[in-house]
Amino acid sequence: MKAKIYHNPRCSKSRATLALLKERGIEPEVVDYIAARPSKDTLRALWRKLGGPALAMVRTQDPEFRPHAQRALTDEEVLDLLAEEPRLLQRPIVEIGAAARIGRPPERVLELIE
């Protein structure tokens, strides 16, 4: 099973999700999305795999998001924002095949493998 995790090693939820996958025998490709910003095309593909509004991919409680919270953003504007400010991306995001899940809580990613 080929898996990829968009990971922030400084985040406890991200570390817990990575550990959960490894406990299940899955060695995912680890993408440090802060060091290697995902392209807008990559973000669009993740959004499609996650389903729902693009805003669900955003850490809306983050202080860096406050200037953008004053108006309703289109999905394309959200993707532009995430491409420019990857720290605002929800973490972690795990993708396996045609599906993806945000690991909040970490156990949510188990939906992809069970």
Protein backbone atom coordinates (compact mmCIF):
# COMPACT_ATOMS: atom_id res chain seq x y z
CA MET A 1 0.00 0.00 0.00
CA LYS A 2 1.63 3.22 -1.19
CA ALA A 3 0.94 6.12 1.13
CA LYS A 4 2.07 9.71 1.36
CA ILE A 5 1.90 11.96 4.41
CA TYR A 6 2.12 15.74 4.25
CA HIS A 7 3.97 16.08 7.51
CA ASN A 8 5.17 18.78 9.87
CA PRO A 9 7.68 17.19 12.27
CA ARG A 10 7.01 19.95 14.81
CA CYS A 11 3.32 19.01 15.09
CA SER A 12 2.30 16.40 17.66
CA LYS A 13 -0.74 15.27 15.61
CA SER A 14 1.47 14.83 12.57
CA ARG A 15 4.03 12.80 14.52
CA ALA A 16 1.26 10.69 16.07
CA THR A 17 -0.29 10.01 12.66
CA LEU A 18 3.06 8.98 11.20
CA ALA A 19 3.64 6.65 14.16
CA LEU A 20 0.15 5.16 13.74
CA LEU A 21 0.83 4.37 10.08
CA LYS A 22 4.18 2.78 10.92
CA GLU A 23 2.55 0.68 13.67
CA ARG A 24 0.28 -0.68 10.94
CA GLY A 25 3.30 -1.60 8.80
CA ILE A 26 2.91 1.33 6.40
CA GLU A 27 6.07 3.26 5.55
CA PRO A 28 4.67 6.35 3.85
CA GLU A 29 6.52 8.79 1.66
CA VAL A 30 7.03 11.74 4.00
CA VAL A 31 6.59 15.19 2.50
CA ASP A 32 7.75 18.08 4.67
CA TYR A 33 5.35 20.57 3.11
CA ILE A 34 6.99 23.51 4.88
CA ALA A 35 10.42 22.80 3.38
CA ALA A 36 9.04 21.71 -0.01
CA ARG A 37 5.96 23.80 -0.74
CA PRO A 38 3.29 21.84 -2.58
CA SER A 39 2.26 23.34 -5.91
CA LYS A 40 -1.24 24.58 -6.53
CA ASP A 41 -1.80 21.52 -8.74
CA THR A 42 -0.73 19.21 -5.90
CA LEU A 43 -3.02 21.05 -3.49
CA ARG A 44 -5.91 20.82 -5.97
CA ALA A 45 -5.38 17.06 -6.27
CA LEU A 46 -5.36 16.71 -2.46
CA TRP A 47 -8.53 18.79 -2.20
CA ARG A 48 -10.29 16.53 -4.69
CA LYS A 49 -9.19 13.44 -2.76
CA LEU A 50 -10.38 14.94 0.52
CA GLY A 51 -13.74 16.09 -0.86
CA GLY A 52 -15.61 19.03 0.60
CA PRO A 53 -14.68 22.69 0.49
CA ALA A 54 -11.05 23.72 0.06
CA LEU A 55 -11.33 25.77 3.26
CA ALA A 56 -11.41 22.48 5.20
CA MET A 57 -7.70 22.17 4.31
CA VAL A 58 -6.90 25.43 6.12
CA ARG A 59 -5.89 25.95 9.72
CA THR A 60 -8.49 28.68 10.16
CA GLN A 61 -7.64 29.18 13.85
CA ASP A 62 -4.03 30.05 13.01
CA PRO A 63 -3.19 33.73 13.59
CA GLU A 64 -1.71 33.89 10.08
CA PHE A 65 -5.18 33.20 8.66
CA ARG A 66 -6.88 36.12 10.46
CA PRO A 67 -6.27 38.67 7.67
CA HIS A 68 -8.02 36.30 5.24
CA ALA A 69 -10.96 35.46 7.51
CA GLN A 70 -12.71 38.77 6.83
CA ARG A 71 -14.21 37.58 3.54
CA ALA A 72 -15.44 34.40 1.96
CA LEU A 73 -12.64 32.86 -0.11
CA THR A 74 -13.35 30.88 -3.24
CA ASP A 75 -11.84 27.41 -3.48
CA GLU A 76 -9.29 28.75 -5.98
CA GLU A 77 -8.34 31.58 -3.62
CA VAL A 78 -7.86 29.04 -0.83
CA LEU A 79 -5.55 26.96 -3.04
CA ASP A 80 -3.59 30.10 -3.97
CA LEU A 81 -3.27 30.99 -0.27
CA LEU A 82 -2.06 27.50 0.68
CA ALA A 83 0.46 27.49 -2.17
CA GLU A 84 1.78 30.82 -0.88
CA GLU A 85 1.51 30.07 2.86
CA PRO A 86 1.95 26.31 3.37
CA ARG A 87 2.00 26.72 7.18
CA LEU A 88 -1.77 27.21 6.93
CA LEU A 89 -2.29 23.70 5.56
CA GLN A 90 -4.09 21.35 7.94
CA ARG A 91 -1.74 18.72 9.20
CA PRO A 92 -1.17 16.02 8.62
CA ILE A 93 -2.81 14.96 5.40
CA VAL A 94 -2.41 11.33 4.36
CA GLU A 95 -3.18 10.14 0.86
CA ILE A 96 -3.50 6.58 -0.30
CA GLY A 97 -4.63 5.94 -3.84
CA ALA A 98 -7.62 8.06 -4.79
CA ALA A 99 -8.47 9.12 -1.24
CA ALA A 100 -7.01 11.35 1.46
CA ARG A 101 -7.79 12.21 5.08
CA ILE A 102 -6.71 14.90 7.51
CA GLY A 103 -5.23 13.25 10.59
CA ARG A 104 -7.26 15.15 13.16
CA PRO A 105 -7.58 13.01 15.16
CA PRO A 106 -4.76 10.76 13.94
CA GLU A 107 -7.04 7.69 13.92
CA ARG A 108 -9.08 9.26 11.13
CA VAL A 109 -6.45 8.15 8.59
CA LEU A 110 -7.26 4.53 9.43
CA GLU A 111 -10.37 4.98 7.24
CA LEU A 112 -7.96 4.80 4.31
CA ILE A 113 -6.58 1.38 5.22
CA GLU A 114 -9.46 -0.47 6.86
